[in-house]
Amino acid sequence: MNPRQLQQMAQQMQRQMAKIQEELGNEMVEGSAGSYISVTMNGHREIQSIKLAPEVVDPEDIETLQDLLVAAIQDANKKAQELAEKRMGPLTQGMKIPGMF
């Protein structure tokens, strides 16, 4: 393979990666902590919404609410990462590219 062909392949891969990155911004995942809290996050791991069940809001027990919120955010973050890896996987063929996932 000559250098020009290699450069063209690299440019094509860059275009495909940019397209996937753009699409990930529009794809949503939802993480939860039971039925009490749900967090919606896009494929860029940006939180879009948080929903709380009324019964989880207890002024006498803020620690439980905080723990549930952290668990829901971590769950959504994990799902967003898995989504990105799934979408980029065929393109990167298992390569771990710093900053991509």
PDB file of N, CA and C in Angstrom:
ATOM      1  N   MET A   1       0.850  -1.169   0.000  1.00  0.00           N
ATOM      2  CA  MET A   1       0.000   0.000   0.000  1.00  0.00           C
ATOM      3  C   MET A   1       0.901   1.239   0.000  1.00  0.00           C
ATOM      4  N   ASN A   2       0.647   2.136  -0.923  1.00  0.00           N
ATOM      5  CA  ASN A   2       1.497   3.320  -1.017  1.00  0.00           C
ATOM      6  C   ASN A   2       1.034   4.404  -0.033  1.00  0.00           C
ATOM      7  N   PRO A   3       1.877   5.400   0.234  1.00  0.00           N
ATOM      8  CA  PRO A   3       1.542   6.445   1.209  1.00  0.00           C
ATOM      9  C   PRO A   3       0.249   7.199   0.883  1.00  0.00           C
ATOM     10  N   ARG A   4      -0.022   7.418  -0.386  1.00  0.00           N
ATOM     11  CA  ARG A   4      -1.242   8.133  -0.769  1.00  0.00           C
ATOM     12  C   ARG A   4      -2.490   7.331  -0.398  1.00  0.00           C
ATOM     13  N   GLN A   5      -2.460   6.034  -0.669  1.00  0.00           N
ATOM     14  CA  GLN A   5      -3.592   5.169  -0.314  1.00  0.00           C
ATOM     15  C   GLN A   5      -3.785   5.141   1.203  1.00  0.00           C
ATOM     16  N   LEU A   6      -2.680   5.090   1.930  1.00  0.00           N
ATOM     17  CA  LEU A   6      -2.738   5.078   3.388  1.00  0.00           C
ATOM     18  C   LEU A   6      -3.349   6.376   3.912  1.00  0.00           C
ATOM     19  N   GLN A   7      -2.969   7.486   3.318  1.00  0.00           N
ATOM     20  CA  GLN A   7      -3.512   8.784   3.709  1.00  0.00           C
ATOM     21  C   GLN A   7      -5.012   8.853   3.413  1.00  0.00           C
ATOM     22  N   GLN A   8      -5.425   8.340   2.260  1.00  0.00           N
ATOM     23  CA  GLN A   8      -6.841   8.340   1.908  1.00  0.00           C
ATOM     24  C   GLN A   8      -7.647   7.478   2.879  1.00  0.00           C
ATOM     25  N   MET A   9      -7.090   6.326   3.264  1.00  0.00           N
ATOM     26  CA  MET A   9      -7.774   5.460   4.222  1.00  0.00           C
ATOM     27  C   MET A   9      -7.907   6.167   5.575  1.00  0.00           C
ATOM     28  N   ALA A  10      -6.863   6.855   5.991  1.00  0.00           N
ATOM     29  CA  ALA A  10      -6.891   7.573   7.270  1.00  0.00           C
ATOM     30  C   ALA A  10      -7.936   8.689   7.230  1.00  0.00           C
ATOM     31  N   GLN A  11      -8.024   9.401   6.117  1.00  0.00           N
ATOM     32  CA  GLN A  11      -9.010  10.473   5.993  1.00  0.00           C
ATOM     33  C   GLN A  11     -10.429   9.916   6.009  1.00  0.00           C
ATOM     34  N   GLN A  12     -10.636   8.798   5.350  1.00  0.00           N
ATOM     35  CA  GLN A  12     -11.951   8.168   5.345  1.00  0.00           C
ATOM     36  C   GLN A  12     -12.322   7.737   6.766  1.00  0.00           C
ATOM     37  N   MET A  13     -11.381   7.161   7.487  1.00  0.00           N
ATOM     38  CA  MET A  13     -11.628   6.745   8.862  1.00  0.00           C
ATOM     39  C   MET A  13     -11.960   7.954   9.746  1.00  0.00           C
ATOM     40  N   GLN A  14     -11.278   9.067   9.534  1.00  0.00           N
ATOM     41  CA  GLN A  14     -11.561  10.288  10.297  1.00  0.00           C
ATOM     42  C   GLN A  14     -12.983  10.776  10.028  1.00  0.00           C
ATOM     43  N   ARG A  15     -13.402  10.740   8.779  1.00  0.00           N
ATOM     44  CA  ARG A  15     -14.762  11.172   8.434  1.00  0.00           C
ATOM     45  C   ARG A  15     -15.796  10.270   9.094  1.00  0.00           C
ATOM     46  N   GLN A  16     -15.553   8.966   9.054  1.00  0.00           N
ATOM     47  CA  GLN A  16     -16.482   8.022   9.662  1.00  0.00           C
ATOM     48  C   GLN A  16     -16.550   8.225  11.179  1.00  0.00           C
ATOM     49  N   MET A  17     -15.412   8.444  11.804  1.00  0.00           N
ATOM     50  CA  MET A  17     -15.378   8.661  13.245  1.00  0.00           C
ATOM     51  C   MET A  17     -16.107   9.951  13.615  1.00  0.00           C
ATOM     52  N   ALA A  18     -15.929  10.994  12.832  1.00  0.00           N
ATOM     53  CA  ALA A  18     -16.614  12.269  13.096  1.00  0.00           C
ATOM     54  C   ALA A  18     -18.128  12.089  12.972  1.00  0.00           C
ATOM     55  N   LYS A  19     -18.550  11.317  11.984  1.00  0.00           N
ATOM     56  CA  LYS A  19     -19.981  11.071  11.795  1.00  0.00           C
ATOM     57  C   LYS A  19     -20.552  10.300  12.980  1.00  0.00           C
ATOM     58  N   ILE A  20     -19.847   9.279  13.429  1.00  0.00           N
ATOM     59  CA  ILE A  20     -20.302   8.491  14.568  1.00  0.00           C
ATOM     60  C   ILE A  20     -20.349   9.357  15.824  1.00  0.00           C
ATOM     61  N   GLN A  21     -19.329  10.188  16.024  1.00  0.00           N
ATOM     62  CA  GLN A  21     -19.316  11.077  17.189  1.00  0.00           C
ATOM     63  C   GLN A  21     -20.535  11.996  17.173  1.00  0.00           C
ATOM     64  N   GLU A  22     -20.859  12.530  16.013  1.00  0.00           N
ATOM     65  CA  GLU A  22     -22.027  13.403  15.891  1.00  0.00           C
ATOM     66  C   GLU A  22     -23.307  12.630  16.227  1.00  0.00           C
ATOM     67  N   GLU A  23     -23.422  11.426  15.705  1.00  0.00           N
ATOM     68  CA  GLU A  23     -24.600  10.604  15.963  1.00  0.00           C
ATOM     69  C   GLU A  23     -24.721  10.261  17.443  1.00  0.00           C
ATOM     70  N   LEU A  24     -23.590  10.013  18.107  1.00  0.00           N
ATOM     71  CA  LEU A  24     -23.618   9.683  19.530  1.00  0.00           C
ATOM     72  C   LEU A  24     -24.220  10.817  20.357  1.00  0.00           C
ATOM     73  N   GLY A  25     -24.052  12.047  19.901  1.00  0.00           N
ATOM     74  CA  GLY A  25     -24.638  13.184  20.607  1.00  0.00           C
ATOM     75  C   GLY A  25     -26.152  13.171  20.584  1.00  0.00           C
ATOM     76  N   ASN A  26     -26.727  12.445  19.622  1.00  0.00           N
ATOM     77  CA  ASN A  26     -28.181  12.373  19.494  1.00  0.00           C
ATOM     78  C   ASN A  26     -28.773  11.085  20.064  1.00  0.00           C
ATOM     79  N   GLU A  27     -27.917  10.129  20.405  1.00  0.00           N
ATOM     80  CA  GLU A  27     -28.400   8.861  20.943  1.00  0.00           C
ATOM     81  C   GLU A  27     -28.433   8.935  22.467  1.00  0.00           C
ATOM     82  N   MET A  28     -29.496   8.411  23.042  1.00  0.00           N
ATOM     83  CA  MET A  28     -29.697   8.492  24.487  1.00  0.00           C
ATOM     84  C   MET A  28     -29.641   7.108  25.132  1.00  0.00           C
ATOM     85  N   VAL A  29     -29.129   7.089  26.350  1.00  0.00           N
ATOM     86  CA  VAL A  29     -29.167   5.896  27.190  1.00  0.00           C
ATOM     87  C   VAL A  29     -29.783   6.316  28.514  1.00  0.00           C
ATOM     88  N   GLU A  30     -30.310   5.349  29.232  1.00  0.00           N
ATOM     89  CA  GLU A  30     -30.909   5.650  30.525  1.00  0.00           C
ATOM     90  C   GLU A  30     -30.308   4.751  31.585  1.00  0.00           C
ATOM     91  N   GLY A  31     -29.833   5.372  32.649  1.00  0.00           N
ATOM     92  CA  GLY A  31     -29.336   4.641  33.802  1.00  0.00           C
ATOM     93  C   GLY A  31     -30.333   4.793  34.926  1.00  0.00           C
ATOM     94  N   SER A  32     -30.297   3.859  35.860  1.00  0.00           N
ATOM     95  CA  SER A  32     -31.271   3.955  36.942  1.00  0.00           C
ATOM     96  C   SER A  32     -30.708   3.407  38.237  1.00  0.00           C
ATOM     97  N   ALA A  33     -31.379   3.776  39.304  1.00  0.00           N
ATOM     98  CA  ALA A  33     -31.144   3.205  40.621  1.00  0.00           C
ATOM     99  C   ALA A  33     -32.503   2.661  41.054  1.00  0.00           C
ATOM    100  N   GLY A  34     -32.753   1.427  40.690  1.00  0.00           N
ATOM    101  CA  GLY A  34     -34.062   0.841  40.937  1.00  0.00           C
ATOM    102  C   GLY A  34     -35.129   1.615  40.199  1.00  0.00           C
ATOM    103  N   SER A  35     -36.271   1.753  40.830  1.00  0.00           N
ATOM    104  CA  SER A  35     -37.351   2.531  40.218  1.00  0.00           C
ATOM    105  C   SER A  35     -37.411   3.934  40.801  1.00  0.00           C
ATOM    106  N   TYR A  36     -36.392   4.294  41.589  1.00  0.00           N
ATOM    107  CA  TYR A  36     -36.415   5.569  42.295  1.00  0.00           C
ATOM    108  C   TYR A  36     -35.846   6.737  41.494  1.00  0.00           C
ATOM    109  N   ILE A  37     -34.769   6.489  40.758  1.00  0.00           N
ATOM    110  CA  ILE A  37     -34.107   7.566  40.023  1.00  0.00           C
ATOM    111  C   ILE A  37     -33.730   7.059  38.646  1.00  0.00           C
ATOM    112  N   SER A  38     -33.970   7.878  37.623  1.00  0.00           N
ATOM    113  CA  SER A  38     -33.470   7.559  36.285  1.00  0.00           C
ATOM    114  C   SER A  38     -32.724   8.775  35.745  1.00  0.00           C
ATOM    115  N   VAL A  39     -31.633   8.479  35.060  1.00  0.00           N
ATOM    116  CA  VAL A  39     -30.785   9.513  34.470  1.00  0.00           C
ATOM    117  C   VAL A  39     -30.688   9.231  32.982  1.00  0.00           C
ATOM    118  N   THR A  40     -31.026  10.219  32.167  1.00  0.00           N
ATOM    119  CA  THR A  40     -30.884  10.100  30.721  1.00  0.00           C
ATOM    120  C   THR A  40     -29.637  10.860  30.311  1.00  0.00           C
ATOM    121  N   MET A  41     -28.800  10.184  29.514  1.00  0.00           N
ATOM    122  CA  MET A  41     -27.515  10.731  29.111  1.00  0.00           C
ATOM    123  C   MET A  41     -27.328  10.459  27.621  1.00  0.00           C
ATOM    124  N   ASN A  42     -26.686  11.392  26.912  1.00  0.00           N
ATOM    125  CA  ASN A  42     -26.424  11.127  25.501  1.00  0.00           C
ATOM    126  C   ASN A  42     -25.112  10.357  25.351  1.00  0.00           C
ATOM    127  N   GLY A  43     -24.806   9.994  24.121  1.00  0.00           N
ATOM    128  CA  GLY A  43     -23.604   9.220  23.849  1.00  0.00           C
ATOM    129  C   GLY A  43     -22.305   9.953  24.106  1.00  0.00           C
ATOM    130  N   HIS A  44     -22.379  11.255  24.353  1.00  0.00           N
ATOM    131  CA  HIS A  44     -21.199  12.036  24.742  1.00  0.00           C
ATOM    132  C   HIS A  44     -21.058  12.099  26.259  1.00  0.00           C
ATOM    133  N   ARG A  45     -21.914  11.365  26.949  1.00  0.00           N
ATOM    134  CA  ARG A  45     -21.950  11.303  28.411  1.00  0.00           C
ATOM    135  C   ARG A  45     -22.365  12.627  29.041  1.00  0.00           C
ATOM    136  N   GLU A  46     -23.252  13.331  28.368  1.00  0.00           N
ATOM    137  CA  GLU A  46     -23.816  14.566  28.904  1.00  0.00           C
ATOM    138  C   GLU A  46     -25.197  14.249  29.458  1.00  0.00           C
ATOM    139  N   ILE A  47     -25.434  14.607  30.711  1.00  0.00           N
ATOM    140  CA  ILE A  47     -26.723  14.331  31.331  1.00  0.00           C
ATOM    141  C   ILE A  47     -27.777  15.216  30.676  1.00  0.00           C
ATOM    142  N   GLN A  48     -28.868  14.592  30.253  1.00  0.00           N
ATOM    143  CA  GLN A  48     -29.968  15.298  29.605  1.00  0.00           C
ATOM    144  C   GLN A  48     -31.141  15.505  30.558  1.00  0.00           C
ATOM    145  N   SER A  49     -31.362  14.531  31.444  1.00  0.00           N
ATOM    146  CA  SER A  49     -32.451  14.683  32.410  1.00  0.00           C
ATOM    147  C   SER A  49     -32.238  13.738  33.585  1.00  0.00           C
ATOM    148  N   ILE A  50     -32.857  14.113  34.702  1.00  0.00           N
ATOM    149  CA  ILE A  50     -32.877  13.291  35.908  1.00  0.00           C
ATOM    150  C   ILE A  50     -34.313  13.272  36.403  1.00  0.00           C
ATOM    151  N   LYS A  51     -34.808  12.073  36.677  1.00  0.00           N
ATOM    152  CA  LYS A  51     -36.170  11.932  37.196  1.00  0.00           C
ATOM    153  C   LYS A  51     -36.103  11.238  38.555  1.00  0.00           C
ATOM    154  N   LEU A  52     -36.813  11.819  39.517  1.00  0.00           N
ATOM    155  CA  LEU A  52     -36.853  11.266  40.865  1.00  0.00           C
ATOM    156  C   LEU A  52     -38.277  10.832  41.194  1.00  0.00           C
ATOM    157  N   ALA A  53     -38.410   9.668  41.793  1.00  0.00           N
ATOM    158  CA  ALA A  53     -39.709   9.245  42.299  1.00  0.00           C
ATOM    159  C   ALA A  53     -39.988  10.051  43.564  1.00  0.00           C
ATOM    160  N   PRO A  54     -41.192  10.541  43.729  1.00  0.00           N
ATOM    161  CA  PRO A  54     -41.503  11.386  44.902  1.00  0.00           C
ATOM    162  C   PRO A  54     -41.139  10.736  46.237  1.00  0.00           C
ATOM    163  N   GLU A  55     -41.311   9.437  46.341  1.00  0.00           N
ATOM    164  CA  GLU A  55     -41.055   8.769  47.619  1.00  0.00           C
ATOM    165  C   GLU A  55     -39.581   8.717  48.018  1.00  0.00           C
ATOM    166  N   VAL A  56     -38.684   8.996  47.073  1.00  0.00           N
ATOM    167  CA  VAL A  56     -37.254   8.964  47.392  1.00  0.00           C
ATOM    168  C   VAL A  56     -36.786  10.297  47.998  1.00  0.00           C
ATOM    169  N   VAL A  57     -37.608  11.326  47.898  1.00  0.00           N
ATOM    170  CA  VAL A  57     -37.242  12.638  48.425  1.00  0.00           C
ATOM    171  C   VAL A  57     -37.713  12.724  49.882  1.00  0.00           C
ATOM    172  N   ASP A  58     -36.768  12.472  50.785  1.00  0.00           N
ATOM    173  CA  ASP A  58     -37.043  12.506  52.226  1.00  0.00           C
ATOM    174  C   ASP A  58     -36.032  13.449  52.874  1.00  0.00           C
ATOM    175  N   PRO A  59     -36.481  14.601  53.354  1.00  0.00           N
ATOM    176  CA  PRO A  59     -35.554  15.560  53.964  1.00  0.00           C
ATOM    177  C   PRO A  59     -34.781  14.977  55.149  1.00  0.00           C
ATOM    178  N   GLU A  60     -35.299  13.913  55.730  1.00  0.00           N
ATOM    179  CA  GLU A  60     -34.630  13.283  56.871  1.00  0.00           C
ATOM    180  C   GLU A  60     -33.552  12.291  56.429  1.00  0.00           C
ATOM    181  N   ASP A  61     -33.497  11.977  55.127  1.00  0.00           N
ATOM    182  CA  ASP A  61     -32.547  10.959  54.645  1.00  0.00           C
ATOM    183  C   ASP A  61     -31.920  11.384  53.318  1.00  0.00           C
ATOM    184  N   ILE A  62     -31.196  12.451  53.351  1.00  0.00           N
ATOM    185  CA  ILE A  62     -30.523  12.981  52.153  1.00  0.00           C
ATOM    186  C   ILE A  62     -29.445  12.018  51.647  1.00  0.00           C
ATOM    187  N   GLU A  63     -28.769  11.304  52.554  1.00  0.00           N
ATOM    188  CA  GLU A  63     -27.677  10.407  52.144  1.00  0.00           C
ATOM    189  C   GLU A  63     -28.154   9.328  51.173  1.00  0.00           C
ATOM    190  N   THR A  64     -29.331   8.773  51.424  1.00  0.00           N
ATOM    191  CA  THR A  64     -29.855   7.737  50.523  1.00  0.00           C
ATOM    192  C   THR A  64     -30.133   8.323  49.144  1.00  0.00           C
ATOM    193  N   LEU A  65     -30.708   9.497  49.098  1.00  0.00           N
ATOM    194  CA  LEU A  65     -30.969  10.154  47.813  1.00  0.00           C
ATOM    195  C   LEU A  65     -29.663  10.399  47.071  1.00  0.00           C
ATOM    196  N   GLN A  66     -28.665  10.868  47.773  1.00  0.00           N
ATOM    197  CA  GLN A  66     -27.362  11.124  47.147  1.00  0.00           C
ATOM    198  C   GLN A  66     -26.755   9.828  46.613  1.00  0.00           C
ATOM    199  N   ASP A  67     -26.807   8.757  47.396  1.00  0.00           N
ATOM    200  CA  ASP A  67     -26.263   7.468  46.963  1.00  0.00           C
ATOM    201  C   ASP A  67     -26.990   6.941  45.729  1.00  0.00           C
ATOM    202  N   LEU A  68     -28.314   7.059  45.725  1.00  0.00           N
ATOM    203  CA  LEU A  68     -29.092   6.602  44.575  1.00  0.00           C
ATOM    204  C   LEU A  68     -28.784   7.424  43.329  1.00  0.00           C
ATOM    205  N   LEU A  69     -28.609   8.715  43.509  1.00  0.00           N
ATOM    206  CA  LEU A  69     -28.292   9.586  42.382  1.00  0.00           C
ATOM    207  C   LEU A  69     -26.936   9.227  41.782  1.00  0.00           C
ATOM    208  N   VAL A  70     -25.944   9.007  42.632  1.00  0.00           N
ATOM    209  CA  VAL A  70     -24.618   8.596  42.147  1.00  0.00           C
ATOM    210  C   VAL A  70     -24.716   7.269  41.398  1.00  0.00           C
ATOM    211  N   ALA A  71     -25.463   6.310  41.943  1.00  0.00           N
ATOM    212  CA  ALA A  71     -25.600   5.002  41.298  1.00  0.00           C
ATOM    213  C   ALA A  71     -26.259   5.134  39.925  1.00  0.00           C
ATOM    214  N   ALA A  72     -27.290   5.960  39.814  1.00  0.00           N
ATOM    215  CA  ALA A  72     -27.979   6.141  38.533  1.00  0.00           C
ATOM    216  C   ALA A  72     -27.070   6.811  37.509  1.00  0.00           C
ATOM    217  N   ILE A  73     -26.303   7.805  37.941  1.00  0.00           N
ATOM    218  CA  ILE A  73     -25.375   8.485  37.022  1.00  0.00           C
ATOM    219  C   ILE A  73     -24.291   7.520  36.563  1.00  0.00           C
ATOM    220  N   GLN A  74     -23.761   6.727  37.472  1.00  0.00           N
ATOM    221  CA  GLN A  74     -22.734   5.748  37.083  1.00  0.00           C
ATOM    222  C   GLN A  74     -23.290   4.720  36.108  1.00  0.00           C
ATOM    223  N   ASP A  75     -24.522   4.295  36.328  1.00  0.00           N
ATOM    224  CA  ASP A  75     -25.154   3.332  35.428  1.00  0.00           C
ATOM    225  C   ASP A  75     -25.328   3.934  34.030  1.00  0.00           C
ATOM    226  N   ALA A  76     -25.804   5.177  33.972  1.00  0.00           N
ATOM    227  CA  ALA A  76     -25.973   5.840  32.671  1.00  0.00           C
ATOM    228  C   ALA A  76     -24.623   6.040  31.991  1.00  0.00           C
ATOM    229  N   ASN A  77     -23.610   6.421  32.759  1.00  0.00           N
ATOM    230  CA  ASN A  77     -22.277   6.638  32.201  1.00  0.00           C
ATOM    231  C   ASN A  77     -21.718   5.342  31.605  1.00  0.00           C
ATOM    232  N   LYS A  78     -21.907   4.237  32.310  1.00  0.00           N
ATOM    233  CA  LYS A  78     -21.444   2.937  31.813  1.00  0.00           C
ATOM    234  C   LYS A  78     -22.149   2.581  30.509  1.00  0.00           C
ATOM    235  N   LYS A  79     -23.459   2.813  30.460  1.00  0.00           N
ATOM    236  CA  LYS A  79     -24.218   2.498  29.246  1.00  0.00           C
ATOM    237  C   LYS A  79     -23.811   3.398  28.074  1.00  0.00           C
ATOM    238  N   ALA A  80     -23.522   4.663  28.358  1.00  0.00           N
ATOM    239  CA  ALA A  80     -23.068   5.574  27.295  1.00  0.00           C
ATOM    240  C   ALA A  80     -21.711   5.133  26.765  1.00  0.00           C
ATOM    241  N   GLN A  81     -20.828   4.694  27.660  1.00  0.00           N
ATOM    242  CA  GLN A  81     -19.513   4.212  27.225  1.00  0.00           C
ATOM    243  C   GLN A  81     -19.659   2.953  26.377  1.00  0.00           C
ATOM    244  N   GLU A  82     -20.518   2.039  26.805  1.00  0.00           N
ATOM    245  CA  GLU A  82     -20.746   0.815  26.032  1.00  0.00           C
ATOM    246  C   GLU A  82     -21.315   1.135  24.656  1.00  0.00           C
ATOM    247  N   LEU A  83     -22.216   2.117  24.594  1.00  0.00           N
ATOM    248  CA  LEU A  83     -22.786   2.534  23.313  1.00  0.00           C
ATOM    249  C   LEU A  83     -21.691   3.059  22.385  1.00  0.00           C
ATOM    250  N   ALA A  84     -20.819   3.918  22.926  1.00  0.00           N
ATOM    251  CA  ALA A  84     -19.737   4.478  22.111  1.00  0.00           C
ATOM    252  C   ALA A  84     -18.797   3.376  21.627  1.00  0.00           C
ATOM    253  N   GLU A  85     -18.463   2.449  22.511  1.00  0.00           N
ATOM    254  CA  GLU A  85     -17.572   1.355  22.119  1.00  0.00           C
ATOM    255  C   GLU A  85     -18.223   0.474  21.052  1.00  0.00           C
ATOM    256  N   LYS A  86     -19.513   0.246  21.197  1.00  0.00           N
ATOM    257  CA  LYS A  86     -20.233  -0.572  20.210  1.00  0.00           C
ATOM    258  C   LYS A  86     -20.249   0.119  18.846  1.00  0.00           C
ATOM    259  N   ARG A  87     -20.530   1.428  18.849  1.00  0.00           N
ATOM    260  CA  ARG A  87     -20.606   2.175  17.583  1.00  0.00           C
ATOM    261  C   ARG A  87     -19.234   2.330  16.932  1.00  0.00           C
ATOM    262  N   MET A  88     -18.211   2.568  17.733  1.00  0.00           N
ATOM    263  CA  MET A  88     -16.863   2.789  17.197  1.00  0.00           C
ATOM    264  C   MET A  88     -16.120   1.478  16.952  1.00  0.00           C
ATOM    265  N   GLY A  89     -16.560   0.415  17.599  1.00  0.00           N
ATOM    266  CA  GLY A  89     -15.863  -0.868  17.521  1.00  0.00           C
ATOM    267  C   GLY A  89     -15.530  -1.338  16.121  1.00  0.00           C
ATOM    268  N   PRO A  90     -16.513  -1.361  15.217  1.00  0.00           N
ATOM    269  CA  PRO A  90     -16.197  -1.838  13.865  1.00  0.00           C
ATOM    270  C   PRO A  90     -15.153  -0.957  13.168  1.00  0.00           C
ATOM    271  N   LEU A  91     -15.139   0.311  13.515  1.00  0.00           N
ATOM    272  CA  LEU A  91     -14.209   1.231  12.868  1.00  0.00           C
ATOM    273  C   LEU A  91     -12.803   1.100  13.449  1.00  0.00           C
ATOM    274  N   THR A  92     -12.725   0.989  14.764  1.00  0.00           N
ATOM    275  CA  THR A  92     -11.409   0.929  15.415  1.00  0.00           C
ATOM    276  C   THR A  92     -10.891  -0.497  15.541  1.00  0.00           C
ATOM    277  N   GLN A  93     -11.755  -1.480  15.308  1.00  0.00           N
ATOM    278  CA  GLN A  93     -11.399  -2.894  15.360  1.00  0.00           C
ATOM    279  C   GLN A  93     -10.663  -3.246  16.645  1.00  0.00           C
ATOM    280  N   GLY A  94     -11.214  -2.760  17.776  1.00  0.00           N
ATOM    281  CA  GLY A  94     -10.660  -3.116  19.066  1.00  0.00           C
ATOM    282  C   GLY A  94      -9.489  -2.263  19.532  1.00  0.00           C
ATOM    283  N   MET A  95      -9.021  -1.322  18.700  1.00  0.00           N
ATOM    284  CA  MET A  95      -7.917  -0.464  19.120  1.00  0.00           C
ATOM    285  C   MET A  95      -8.405   0.455  20.232  1.00  0.00           C
ATOM    286  N   LYS A  96      -7.595   0.668  21.239  1.00  0.00           N
ATOM    287  CA  LYS A  96      -7.919   1.613  22.305  1.00  0.00           C
ATOM    288  C   LYS A  96      -7.278   2.952  21.943  1.00  0.00           C
ATOM    289  N   ILE A  97      -8.099   3.854  21.448  1.00  0.00           N
ATOM    290  CA  ILE A  97      -7.617   5.165  21.040  1.00  0.00           C
ATOM    291  C   ILE A  97      -7.835   6.126  22.195  1.00  0.00           C
ATOM    292  N   PRO A  98      -6.764   6.718  22.716  1.00  0.00           N
ATOM    293  CA  PRO A  98      -6.905   7.614  23.859  1.00  0.00           C
ATOM    294  C   PRO A  98      -7.903   8.733  23.586  1.00  0.00           C
ATOM    295  N   GLY A  99      -8.784   8.962  24.578  1.00  0.00           N
ATOM    296  CA  GLY A  99      -9.765  10.029  24.465  1.00  0.00           C
ATOM    297  C   GLY A  99     -11.026   9.658  23.726  1.00  0.00           C
ATOM    298  N   MET A 100     -11.079   8.485  23.152  1.00  0.00           N
ATOM    299  CA  MET A 100     -12.273   8.102  22.391  1.00  0.00           C
ATOM    300  C   MET A 100     -13.314   7.440  23.281  1.00  0.00           C
ATOM    301  N   PHE A 101     -12.873   6.647  24.263  1.00  0.00           N
ATOM    302  CA  PHE A 101     -13.844   5.941  25.108  1.00  0.00           C
ATOM    303  C   PHE A 101     -13.539   6.221  26.555  1.00  0.00           C
TER     304      PHE A 101
END
